[in-house]
Amino acid sequence: MYDIDELVGECRAARDEAEPRGAMHEVLARALDRRRDIAEALDPTEGGVTILYNVPDLTVANVVWAPGMAVVPHDHRMWAAIGIYGGREDNSFFRRTGPGRHAITPSGGRSLGEGDVLVLGADAVHSVANPERRLTGAIHVYGGDFVHDGRSQWPGDPEDEQPYDLEATQRQFEAANRAWRAAEGGLTPT
């Protein structure tokens, strides 16, 4: 069985390196060599975010995207590393523009599959979608307090930056899980 606490310990050690983003990439890449073991240890059954570790300078989360789920563009205001252990995660990237740099405009994208790792800078703005008909599971590591630190989202108009709404995101996960269950008549593991 995969030891999630050991992974968190490796993330804590990587955080303390001179270049934590590169060290975190290495930690996740090594861990994903055992992605089936990670999936078995975490045993995702629906979309949602489970915080595995959270302190002011590091957050480790298990993020599971329900089939067909998409979240609005948002920022983190801290670096992030994402490692996919099951399924696929499509990222659309944006850059800040306009007066005061509060608007966003598309600037590319990247699809992540099983075993892929992506590191984002503190200024990254992205939206995420699961194009699969099954759950997508990922370890997300943030170089800060992802739970309590402020950030922004753009829920509709790309010129309408708003404070991030965690409750709205949780409702998105709940709605995506309901839609998936209704469409599929049950659960499909990663």
N, C-alpha and C. Protein backbone atom coordinates (compact mmCIF):
# COMPACT_ATOMS: atom_id res chain seq x y z
N MET A 1 0.85 -1.19 0.00
CA MET A 1 0.00 0.00 0.00
C MET A 1 0.89 1.24 0.00
N TYR A 2 0.48 2.22 -0.77
CA TYR A 2 1.23 3.47 -0.87
C TYR A 2 1.05 4.28 0.41
N ASP A 3 2.12 4.87 0.91
CA ASP A 3 2.09 5.65 2.15
C ASP A 3 1.95 7.14 1.82
N ILE A 4 0.73 7.66 1.93
CA ILE A 4 0.46 9.07 1.63
C ILE A 4 1.21 9.97 2.60
N ASP A 5 1.36 9.56 3.86
CA ASP A 5 2.11 10.37 4.82
C ASP A 5 3.57 10.52 4.40
N GLU A 6 4.12 9.48 3.78
CA GLU A 6 5.50 9.56 3.28
C GLU A 6 5.58 10.58 2.13
N LEU A 7 4.59 10.58 1.26
CA LEU A 7 4.54 11.56 0.17
C LEU A 7 4.49 12.98 0.75
N VAL A 8 3.65 13.19 1.75
CA VAL A 8 3.56 14.52 2.38
C VAL A 8 4.91 14.90 2.98
N GLY A 9 5.59 13.95 3.61
CA GLY A 9 6.92 14.22 4.16
C GLY A 9 7.91 14.62 3.09
N GLU A 10 7.85 13.97 1.93
CA GLU A 10 8.73 14.33 0.82
C GLU A 10 8.39 15.72 0.29
N CYS A 11 7.11 16.07 0.28
CA CYS A 11 6.70 17.42 -0.13
C CYS A 11 7.22 18.46 0.86
N ARG A 12 7.17 18.14 2.13
CA ARG A 12 7.69 19.07 3.14
C ARG A 12 9.19 19.29 2.95
N ALA A 13 9.92 18.23 2.67
CA ALA A 13 11.36 18.34 2.44
C ALA A 13 11.64 19.16 1.17
N ALA A 14 10.87 18.94 0.11
CA ALA A 14 11.05 19.67 -1.15
C ALA A 14 10.76 21.16 -0.95
N ARG A 15 9.78 21.48 -0.13
CA ARG A 15 9.45 22.88 0.17
C ARG A 15 10.65 23.62 0.72
N ASP A 16 11.51 22.93 1.46
CA ASP A 16 12.65 23.56 2.12
C ASP A 16 13.90 23.63 1.23
N GLU A 17 13.82 23.12 0.01
CA GLU A 17 14.95 23.17 -0.91
C GLU A 17 15.14 24.60 -1.44
N ALA A 18 16.33 24.87 -1.99
CA ALA A 18 16.63 26.20 -2.55
C ALA A 18 15.67 26.54 -3.69
N GLU A 19 15.31 25.56 -4.51
CA GLU A 19 14.34 25.74 -5.60
C GLU A 19 13.18 24.76 -5.37
N PRO A 20 12.20 25.14 -4.53
CA PRO A 20 11.14 24.19 -4.16
C PRO A 20 10.28 23.71 -5.32
N ARG A 21 10.07 24.54 -6.34
CA ARG A 21 9.22 24.10 -7.46
C ARG A 21 9.87 22.95 -8.21
N GLY A 22 11.16 23.05 -8.49
CA GLY A 22 11.85 21.96 -9.16
C GLY A 22 11.90 20.71 -8.31
N ALA A 23 12.16 20.89 -7.02
CA ALA A 23 12.19 19.75 -6.10
C ALA A 23 10.82 19.08 -6.01
N MET A 24 9.75 19.89 -6.02
CA MET A 24 8.40 19.33 -5.94
C MET A 24 8.07 18.55 -7.21
N HIS A 25 8.52 19.07 -8.36
CA HIS A 25 8.32 18.36 -9.62
C HIS A 25 8.93 16.96 -9.52
N GLU A 26 10.16 16.89 -9.00
CA GLU A 26 10.84 15.60 -8.85
C GLU A 26 10.09 14.67 -7.90
N VAL A 27 9.61 15.21 -6.78
CA VAL A 27 8.86 14.39 -5.82
C VAL A 27 7.62 13.80 -6.48
N LEU A 28 6.85 14.64 -7.17
CA LEU A 28 5.62 14.15 -7.81
C LEU A 28 5.92 13.17 -8.94
N ALA A 29 6.95 13.45 -9.73
CA ALA A 29 7.30 12.54 -10.83
C ALA A 29 7.66 11.16 -10.28
N ARG A 30 8.44 11.11 -9.21
CA ARG A 30 8.79 9.82 -8.59
C ARG A 30 7.55 9.13 -8.04
N ALA A 31 6.71 9.89 -7.37
CA ALA A 31 5.49 9.31 -6.78
C ALA A 31 4.59 8.72 -7.86
N LEU A 32 4.50 9.41 -8.99
CA LEU A 32 3.59 8.96 -10.05
C LEU A 32 4.08 7.71 -10.76
N ASP A 33 5.31 7.29 -10.50
CA ASP A 33 5.74 5.98 -10.98
C ASP A 33 4.90 4.88 -10.33
N ARG A 34 4.27 5.23 -9.21
CA ARG A 34 3.38 4.29 -8.50
C ARG A 34 1.95 4.83 -8.46
N ARG A 35 1.51 5.42 -9.58
CA ARG A 35 0.20 6.08 -9.59
C ARG A 35 -0.96 5.13 -9.30
N ARG A 36 -0.86 3.89 -9.70
CA ARG A 36 -1.95 2.94 -9.38
C ARG A 36 -2.03 2.71 -7.88
N ASP A 37 -0.86 2.66 -7.22
CA ASP A 37 -0.84 2.51 -5.77
C ASP A 37 -1.42 3.74 -5.07
N ILE A 38 -1.11 4.93 -5.62
CA ILE A 38 -1.68 6.16 -5.06
C ILE A 38 -3.19 6.13 -5.19
N ALA A 39 -3.69 5.77 -6.38
CA ALA A 39 -5.14 5.70 -6.60
C ALA A 39 -5.78 4.72 -5.63
N GLU A 40 -5.14 3.60 -5.41
CA GLU A 40 -5.68 2.61 -4.47
C GLU A 40 -5.68 3.14 -3.04
N ALA A 41 -4.61 3.84 -2.66
CA ALA A 41 -4.52 4.37 -1.29
C ALA A 41 -5.55 5.48 -1.05
N LEU A 42 -5.75 6.33 -2.05
CA LEU A 42 -6.69 7.44 -1.88
C LEU A 42 -8.12 7.03 -2.19
N ASP A 43 -8.30 6.03 -3.04
CA ASP A 43 -9.59 5.43 -3.36
C ASP A 43 -10.69 6.45 -3.67
N PRO A 44 -10.49 7.28 -4.71
CA PRO A 44 -11.52 8.28 -5.01
C PRO A 44 -12.81 7.64 -5.53
N THR A 45 -13.93 8.13 -5.03
CA THR A 45 -15.23 7.63 -5.47
C THR A 45 -16.13 8.73 -6.02
N GLU A 46 -15.70 10.00 -5.84
CA GLU A 46 -16.45 11.13 -6.39
C GLU A 46 -15.54 12.34 -6.45
N GLY A 47 -15.98 13.38 -7.18
CA GLY A 47 -15.21 14.60 -7.28
C GLY A 47 -15.19 15.34 -5.96
N GLY A 48 -14.07 16.03 -5.70
CA GLY A 48 -13.95 16.82 -4.49
C GLY A 48 -12.49 17.12 -4.19
N VAL A 49 -12.27 17.92 -3.17
CA VAL A 49 -10.93 18.28 -2.73
C VAL A 49 -10.76 17.82 -1.30
N THR A 50 -9.73 17.01 -1.07
CA THR A 50 -9.39 16.56 0.27
C THR A 50 -8.02 17.12 0.62
N ILE A 51 -7.96 17.91 1.66
CA ILE A 51 -6.69 18.49 2.10
C ILE A 51 -5.94 17.42 2.89
N LEU A 52 -4.75 17.08 2.41
CA LEU A 52 -3.92 16.07 3.07
C LEU A 52 -2.96 16.70 4.07
N TYR A 53 -2.58 17.97 3.82
CA TYR A 53 -1.65 18.67 4.70
C TYR A 53 -1.81 20.16 4.44
N ASN A 54 -1.83 20.97 5.50
CA ASN A 54 -2.00 22.41 5.31
C ASN A 54 -1.34 23.17 6.44
N VAL A 55 -0.34 23.98 6.09
CA VAL A 55 0.32 24.92 6.99
C VAL A 55 0.52 26.21 6.19
N PRO A 56 0.96 27.30 6.83
CA PRO A 56 1.06 28.57 6.11
C PRO A 56 1.91 28.56 4.84
N ASP A 57 2.91 27.69 4.74
CA ASP A 57 3.77 27.72 3.56
C ASP A 57 3.69 26.45 2.69
N LEU A 58 2.69 25.60 2.92
CA LEU A 58 2.55 24.39 2.10
C LEU A 58 1.16 23.78 2.27
N THR A 59 0.56 23.44 1.15
CA THR A 59 -0.71 22.70 1.15
C THR A 59 -0.57 21.54 0.17
N VAL A 60 -0.95 20.35 0.61
CA VAL A 60 -0.99 19.17 -0.25
C VAL A 60 -2.43 18.70 -0.27
N ALA A 61 -2.98 18.54 -1.48
CA ALA A 61 -4.39 18.17 -1.62
C ALA A 61 -4.56 17.05 -2.63
N ASN A 62 -5.57 16.23 -2.39
CA ASN A 62 -6.04 15.26 -3.37
C ASN A 62 -7.24 15.90 -4.05
N VAL A 63 -7.08 16.22 -5.34
CA VAL A 63 -8.16 16.84 -6.09
C VAL A 63 -8.70 15.82 -7.07
N VAL A 64 -10.00 15.56 -6.99
CA VAL A 64 -10.65 14.59 -7.87
C VAL A 64 -11.72 15.32 -8.65
N TRP A 65 -11.57 15.32 -9.98
CA TRP A 65 -12.53 15.98 -10.87
C TRP A 65 -13.56 14.96 -11.32
N ALA A 66 -14.83 15.29 -11.15
CA ALA A 66 -15.91 14.44 -11.67
C ALA A 66 -15.89 14.48 -13.20
N PRO A 67 -16.39 13.44 -13.84
CA PRO A 67 -16.43 13.43 -15.31
C PRO A 67 -17.17 14.65 -15.85
N GLY A 68 -16.57 15.29 -16.86
CA GLY A 68 -17.19 16.43 -17.51
C GLY A 68 -17.13 17.73 -16.72
N MET A 69 -16.55 17.70 -15.55
CA MET A 69 -16.50 18.88 -14.69
C MET A 69 -15.52 19.92 -15.22
N ALA A 70 -15.87 21.19 -15.03
CA ALA A 70 -14.96 22.29 -15.37
C ALA A 70 -15.11 23.38 -14.31
N VAL A 71 -14.00 24.01 -13.96
CA VAL A 71 -14.05 25.14 -13.03
C VAL A 71 -13.58 26.40 -13.75
N VAL A 72 -14.09 27.52 -13.28
CA VAL A 72 -13.84 28.82 -13.90
C VAL A 72 -12.37 29.23 -13.75
N PRO A 73 -11.92 30.16 -14.58
CA PRO A 73 -10.55 30.67 -14.42
C PRO A 73 -10.34 31.21 -13.00
N HIS A 74 -9.16 30.90 -12.46
CA HIS A 74 -8.83 31.34 -11.11
C HIS A 74 -7.31 31.42 -10.98
N ASP A 75 -6.85 32.13 -9.98
CA ASP A 75 -5.42 32.17 -9.70
C ASP A 75 -5.18 31.51 -8.34
N HIS A 76 -3.90 31.33 -8.01
CA HIS A 76 -3.54 30.76 -6.71
C HIS A 76 -2.74 31.75 -5.86
N ARG A 77 -2.03 32.65 -6.55
CA ARG A 77 -1.13 33.61 -5.91
C ARG A 77 -0.01 32.93 -5.13
N MET A 78 0.33 31.73 -5.54
CA MET A 78 1.43 30.94 -5.00
C MET A 78 1.78 29.90 -6.06
N TRP A 79 3.00 29.39 -6.04
CA TRP A 79 3.34 28.36 -7.01
C TRP A 79 2.53 27.10 -6.70
N ALA A 80 2.37 26.28 -7.72
CA ALA A 80 1.64 25.03 -7.56
C ALA A 80 2.29 23.95 -8.41
N ALA A 81 2.18 22.71 -7.96
CA ALA A 81 2.63 21.55 -8.72
C ALA A 81 1.48 20.55 -8.75
N ILE A 82 1.18 20.05 -9.93
CA ILE A 82 0.04 19.15 -10.13
C ILE A 82 0.56 17.85 -10.73
N GLY A 83 0.22 16.73 -10.11
CA GLY A 83 0.60 15.42 -10.62
C GLY A 83 -0.63 14.55 -10.80
N ILE A 84 -0.85 14.06 -12.01
CA ILE A 84 -2.06 13.28 -12.33
C ILE A 84 -1.81 11.80 -12.07
N TYR A 85 -2.60 11.19 -11.19
CA TYR A 85 -2.47 9.75 -10.94
C TYR A 85 -3.55 8.93 -11.62
N GLY A 86 -4.57 9.59 -12.17
CA GLY A 86 -5.60 8.87 -12.91
C GLY A 86 -6.43 9.82 -13.73
N GLY A 87 -6.73 9.47 -14.98
CA GLY A 87 -7.58 10.30 -15.82
C GLY A 87 -6.82 11.38 -16.56
N ARG A 88 -7.51 12.49 -16.82
CA ARG A 88 -6.93 13.60 -17.59
C ARG A 88 -7.47 14.92 -17.07
N GLU A 89 -6.62 15.93 -17.07
CA GLU A 89 -6.97 17.27 -16.63
C GLU A 89 -6.55 18.25 -17.72
N ASP A 90 -7.52 18.96 -18.31
CA ASP A 90 -7.21 19.95 -19.33
C ASP A 90 -7.15 21.33 -18.69
N ASN A 91 -6.00 21.98 -18.84
CA ASN A 91 -5.78 23.32 -18.29
C ASN A 91 -5.81 24.35 -19.41
N SER A 92 -6.60 25.39 -19.23
CA SER A 92 -6.57 26.55 -20.12
C SER A 92 -5.93 27.67 -19.32
N PHE A 93 -4.93 28.33 -19.95
CA PHE A 93 -4.20 29.37 -19.26
C PHE A 93 -4.63 30.75 -19.74
N PHE A 94 -4.48 31.71 -18.85
CA PHE A 94 -4.85 33.10 -19.12
C PHE A 94 -3.74 34.00 -18.60
N ARG A 95 -3.68 35.21 -19.15
CA ARG A 95 -2.76 36.21 -18.61
C ARG A 95 -3.57 37.44 -18.26
N ARG A 96 -3.10 38.14 -17.26
CA ARG A 96 -3.77 39.37 -16.83
C ARG A 96 -3.51 40.48 -17.85
N THR A 97 -4.55 41.29 -18.11
CA THR A 97 -4.44 42.39 -19.07
C THR A 97 -5.27 43.56 -18.57
N GLY A 98 -5.28 44.61 -19.34
CA GLY A 98 -6.17 45.74 -19.08
C GLY A 98 -5.71 46.64 -17.95
N PRO A 99 -6.48 47.71 -17.71
CA PRO A 99 -6.16 48.66 -16.64
C PRO A 99 -6.11 47.95 -15.29
N GLY A 100 -5.04 48.14 -14.57
CA GLY A 100 -4.89 47.50 -13.27
C GLY A 100 -4.67 46.01 -13.36
N ARG A 101 -4.60 45.47 -14.58
CA ARG A 101 -4.37 44.03 -14.83
C ARG A 101 -5.39 43.16 -14.11
N HIS A 102 -6.67 43.58 -14.14
CA HIS A 102 -7.73 42.80 -13.51
C HIS A 102 -8.51 41.94 -14.49
N ALA A 103 -8.31 42.19 -15.80
CA ALA A 103 -8.97 41.37 -16.83
C ALA A 103 -8.02 40.24 -17.21
N ILE A 104 -8.56 39.22 -17.88
CA ILE A 104 -7.73 38.12 -18.36
C ILE A 104 -8.02 37.87 -19.84
N THR A 105 -7.03 37.29 -20.50
CA THR A 105 -7.18 36.89 -21.90
C THR A 105 -6.53 35.52 -22.06
N PRO A 106 -7.09 34.66 -22.92
CA PRO A 106 -6.52 33.31 -23.10
C PRO A 106 -5.05 33.38 -23.56
N SER A 107 -4.25 32.42 -23.06
CA SER A 107 -2.84 32.38 -23.44
C SER A 107 -2.32 30.96 -23.58
N GLY A 108 -3.16 30.05 -24.03
CA GLY A 108 -2.70 28.68 -24.27
C GLY A 108 -3.34 27.67 -23.34
N GLY A 109 -2.80 26.48 -23.38
CA GLY A 109 -3.34 25.41 -22.54
C GLY A 109 -2.43 24.21 -22.55
N ARG A 110 -2.77 23.26 -21.71
CA ARG A 110 -2.02 22.01 -21.64
C ARG A 110 -2.91 20.92 -21.08
N SER A 111 -2.89 19.79 -21.74
CA SER A 111 -3.62 18.62 -21.28
C SER A 111 -2.65 17.73 -20.52
N LEU A 112 -3.05 17.32 -19.32
CA LEU A 112 -2.23 16.45 -18.49
C LEU A 112 -2.88 15.08 -18.41
N GLY A 113 -2.10 14.04 -18.67
CA GLY A 113 -2.58 12.67 -18.55
C GLY A 113 -1.90 11.98 -17.39
N GLU A 114 -2.23 10.72 -17.20
CA GLU A 114 -1.67 9.95 -16.10
C GLU A 114 -0.14 9.97 -16.14
N GLY A 115 0.45 10.32 -15.00
CA GLY A 115 1.89 10.38 -14.87
C GLY A 115 2.49 11.74 -15.17
N ASP A 116 1.69 12.67 -15.70
CA ASP A 116 2.20 14.00 -16.01
C ASP A 116 2.27 14.89 -14.77
N VAL A 117 3.26 15.79 -14.76
CA VAL A 117 3.42 16.77 -13.70
C VAL A 117 3.52 18.15 -14.35
N LEU A 118 2.82 19.12 -13.78
CA LEU A 118 2.84 20.50 -14.24
C LEU A 118 3.15 21.39 -13.06
N VAL A 119 4.10 22.32 -13.24
CA VAL A 119 4.42 23.31 -12.20
C VAL A 119 3.96 24.67 -12.72
N LEU A 120 3.20 25.38 -11.88
CA LEU A 120 2.68 26.71 -12.21
C LEU A 120 3.36 27.75 -11.34
N GLY A 121 3.64 28.92 -11.92
CA GLY A 121 4.20 30.03 -11.16
C GLY A 121 3.12 30.71 -10.33
N ALA A 122 3.55 31.57 -9.44
CA ALA A 122 2.63 32.26 -8.54
C ALA A 122 1.67 33.19 -9.27
N ASP A 123 2.01 33.60 -10.49
CA ASP A 123 1.15 34.52 -11.23
C ASP A 123 0.22 33.80 -12.22
N ALA A 124 0.22 32.49 -12.23
CA ALA A 124 -0.60 31.72 -13.18
C ALA A 124 -2.09 31.92 -12.92
N VAL A 125 -2.85 31.99 -14.03
CA VAL A 125 -4.31 31.99 -14.00
C VAL A 125 -4.73 30.86 -14.93
N HIS A 126 -5.59 29.96 -14.44
CA HIS A 126 -6.01 28.85 -15.28
C HIS A 126 -7.42 28.41 -14.93
N SER A 127 -8.01 27.69 -15.88
CA SER A 127 -9.25 26.97 -15.61
C SER A 127 -8.94 25.50 -15.86
N VAL A 128 -9.74 24.62 -15.28
CA VAL A 128 -9.48 23.19 -15.37
C VAL A 128 -10.76 22.48 -15.77
N ALA A 129 -10.61 21.46 -16.63
CA ALA A 129 -11.74 20.63 -17.04
C ALA A 129 -11.30 19.17 -17.08
N ASN A 130 -12.22 18.29 -16.75
CA ASN A 130 -12.02 16.85 -16.90
C ASN A 130 -12.83 16.40 -18.12
N PRO A 131 -12.17 16.13 -19.26
CA PRO A 131 -12.90 15.74 -20.46
C PRO A 131 -13.27 14.26 -20.48
N GLU A 132 -12.84 13.51 -19.48
CA GLU A 132 -13.05 12.06 -19.44
C GLU A 132 -14.45 11.71 -18.93
N ARG A 133 -14.85 10.48 -19.19
CA ARG A 133 -16.11 9.94 -18.66
C ARG A 133 -15.85 9.14 -17.40
N ARG A 134 -14.76 9.46 -16.73
CA ARG A 134 -14.38 8.83 -15.47
C ARG A 134 -13.72 9.88 -14.59
N LEU A 135 -13.52 9.56 -13.35
CA LEU A 135 -12.87 10.48 -12.43
C LEU A 135 -11.43 10.75 -12.86
N THR A 136 -10.98 11.95 -12.58
CA THR A 136 -9.57 12.30 -12.74
C THR A 136 -9.04 12.63 -11.36
N GLY A 137 -7.95 11.96 -10.97
CA GLY A 137 -7.35 12.20 -9.67
C GLY A 137 -5.98 12.83 -9.80
N ALA A 138 -5.71 13.80 -8.94
CA ALA A 138 -4.43 14.50 -8.99
C ALA A 138 -3.99 14.92 -7.59
N ILE A 139 -2.69 14.89 -7.40
CA ILE A 139 -2.10 15.48 -6.20
C ILE A 139 -1.74 16.91 -6.58
N HIS A 140 -2.28 17.88 -5.83
CA HIS A 140 -1.97 19.29 -6.03
C HIS A 140 -1.17 19.76 -4.82
N VAL A 141 -0.03 20.36 -5.07
CA VAL A 141 0.82 20.88 -4.00
C VAL A 141 0.96 22.39 -4.23
N TYR A 142 0.73 23.16 -3.19
CA TYR A 142 0.78 24.62 -3.28
C TYR A 142 1.84 25.15 -2.33
N GLY A 143 2.57 26.16 -2.78
CA GLY A 143 3.61 26.78 -1.96
C GLY A 143 3.06 27.85 -1.05
N GLY A 144 2.01 27.53 -0.32
CA GLY A 144 1.38 28.46 0.61
C GLY A 144 0.14 27.83 1.20
N ASP A 145 -0.65 28.64 1.87
CA ASP A 145 -1.88 28.18 2.51
C ASP A 145 -3.05 28.32 1.53
N PHE A 146 -3.25 27.30 0.74
CA PHE A 146 -4.29 27.30 -0.29
C PHE A 146 -5.69 27.41 0.32
N VAL A 147 -5.85 26.97 1.53
CA VAL A 147 -7.16 26.96 2.18
C VAL A 147 -7.57 28.36 2.64
N HIS A 148 -6.64 29.12 3.18
CA HIS A 148 -7.00 30.38 3.83
C HIS A 148 -6.54 31.64 3.11
N ASP A 149 -5.53 31.54 2.24
CA ASP A 149 -5.03 32.73 1.55
C ASP A 149 -6.02 33.17 0.48
N GLY A 150 -6.13 34.49 0.29
CA GLY A 150 -7.03 35.04 -0.72
C GLY A 150 -6.53 34.80 -2.13
N ARG A 151 -7.46 34.71 -3.05
CA ARG A 151 -7.15 34.60 -4.47
C ARG A 151 -8.36 35.08 -5.25
N SER A 152 -8.28 35.01 -6.58
CA SER A 152 -9.34 35.55 -7.43
C SER A 152 -9.90 34.49 -8.37
N GLN A 153 -11.07 34.82 -8.91
CA GLN A 153 -11.69 33.99 -9.95
C GLN A 153 -12.40 34.91 -10.94
N TRP A 154 -12.67 34.38 -12.12
CA TRP A 154 -13.37 35.09 -13.18
C TRP A 154 -14.53 34.19 -13.61
N PRO A 155 -15.68 34.27 -12.94
CA PRO A 155 -16.76 33.32 -13.19
C PRO A 155 -17.53 33.52 -14.48
N GLY A 156 -17.36 34.62 -15.16
CA GLY A 156 -18.09 34.85 -16.40
C GLY A 156 -17.33 35.78 -17.31
N ASP A 157 -17.46 37.04 -17.08
CA ASP A 157 -16.81 38.08 -17.86
C ASP A 157 -15.31 38.10 -17.56
N PRO A 158 -14.45 38.00 -18.60
CA PRO A 158 -13.01 38.02 -18.34
C PRO A 158 -12.48 39.34 -17.80
N GLU A 159 -13.34 40.35 -17.74
CA GLU A 159 -12.93 41.63 -17.17
C GLU A 159 -13.45 41.81 -15.75
N ASP A 160 -14.10 40.77 -15.21
CA ASP A 160 -14.76 40.87 -13.91
C ASP A 160 -14.06 39.98 -12.88
N GLU A 161 -12.89 40.43 -12.41
CA GLU A 161 -12.17 39.71 -11.37
C GLU A 161 -12.95 39.80 -10.06
N GLN A 162 -13.13 38.66 -9.42
CA GLN A 162 -13.86 38.60 -8.15
C GLN A 162 -13.06 37.80 -7.13
N PRO A 163 -13.32 38.02 -5.85
CA PRO A 163 -12.69 37.18 -4.83
C PRO A 163 -13.09 35.72 -5.05
N TYR A 164 -12.14 34.81 -4.86
CA TYR A 164 -12.41 33.39 -5.02
C TYR A 164 -13.51 32.96 -4.05
N ASP A 165 -14.46 32.18 -4.54
CA ASP A 165 -15.60 31.73 -3.75
C ASP A 165 -15.51 30.22 -3.57
N LEU A 166 -14.93 29.78 -2.44
CA LEU A 166 -14.75 28.36 -2.16
C LEU A 166 -16.10 27.63 -2.12
N GLU A 167 -17.12 28.26 -1.55
CA GLU A 167 -18.43 27.62 -1.47
C GLU A 167 -19.02 27.38 -2.86
N ALA A 168 -18.82 28.32 -3.78
CA ALA A 168 -19.30 28.14 -5.16
C ALA A 168 -18.58 26.98 -5.83
N THR A 169 -17.28 26.86 -5.57
CA THR A 169 -16.52 25.75 -6.14
C THR A 169 -17.00 24.42 -5.57
N GLN A 170 -17.26 24.38 -4.27
CA GLN A 170 -17.79 23.16 -3.66
C GLN A 170 -19.14 22.79 -4.27
N ARG A 171 -19.96 23.79 -4.56
CA ARG A 171 -21.25 23.52 -5.22
C ARG A 171 -21.04 22.96 -6.62
N GLN A 172 -19.98 23.44 -7.31
CA GLN A 172 -19.66 22.91 -8.64
C GLN A 172 -19.31 21.42 -8.55
N PHE A 173 -18.51 21.05 -7.55
CA PHE A 173 -18.17 19.63 -7.37
C PHE A 173 -19.44 18.82 -7.10
N GLU A 174 -20.30 19.31 -6.22
CA GLU A 174 -21.54 18.59 -5.89
C GLU A 174 -22.43 18.43 -7.12
N ALA A 175 -22.60 19.50 -7.90
CA ALA A 175 -23.44 19.43 -9.10
C ALA A 175 -22.84 18.48 -10.13
N ALA A 176 -21.52 18.51 -10.29
CA ALA A 176 -20.86 17.61 -11.24
C ALA A 176 -21.02 16.15 -10.81
N ASN A 177 -20.91 15.89 -9.52
CA ASN A 177 -21.11 14.52 -9.02
C ASN A 177 -22.54 14.05 -9.27
N ARG A 178 -23.52 14.92 -9.02
CA ARG A 178 -24.93 14.56 -9.26
C ARG A 178 -25.17 14.28 -10.74
N ALA A 179 -24.65 15.15 -11.60
CA ALA A 179 -24.84 14.98 -13.05
C ALA A 179 -24.19 13.68 -13.53
N TRP A 180 -23.02 13.37 -13.02
CA TRP A 180 -22.32 12.15 -13.40
C TRP A 180 -23.12 10.91 -12.99
N ARG A 181 -23.57 10.92 -11.74
CA ARG A 181 -24.36 9.77 -11.26
C ARG A 181 -25.64 9.60 -12.06
N ALA A 182 -26.30 10.70 -12.38
CA ALA A 182 -27.55 10.62 -13.16
C ALA A 182 -27.27 10.09 -14.57
N ALA A 183 -26.18 10.53 -15.18
CA ALA A 183 -25.86 10.12 -16.55
C ALA A 183 -25.35 8.69 -16.63
N GLU A 184 -24.58 8.28 -15.64
CA GLU A 184 -23.92 6.98 -15.69
C GLU A 184 -24.61 5.91 -14.84
N GLY A 185 -25.48 6.34 -13.95
CA GLY A 185 -26.17 5.38 -13.10
C GLY A 185 -25.25 4.71 -12.08
N GLY A 186 -24.16 5.34 -11.72
CA GLY A 186 -23.26 4.78 -10.73
C GLY A 186 -21.90 5.42 -10.79
N LEU A 187 -20.94 4.80 -10.15
CA LEU A 187 -19.61 5.35 -10.07
C LEU A 187 -18.62 4.54 -10.89
N THR A 188 -17.67 5.24 -11.49
CA THR A 188 -16.60 4.61 -12.25
C THR A 188 -15.29 5.07 -11.65
N PRO A 189 -14.45 4.15 -11.18
CA PRO A 189 -13.20 4.57 -10.56
C PRO A 189 -12.22 5.14 -11.56
N THR A 190 -11.18 5.84 -11.03
CA THR A 190 -10.15 6.41 -11.92
C THR A 190 -9.40 5.31 -12.59
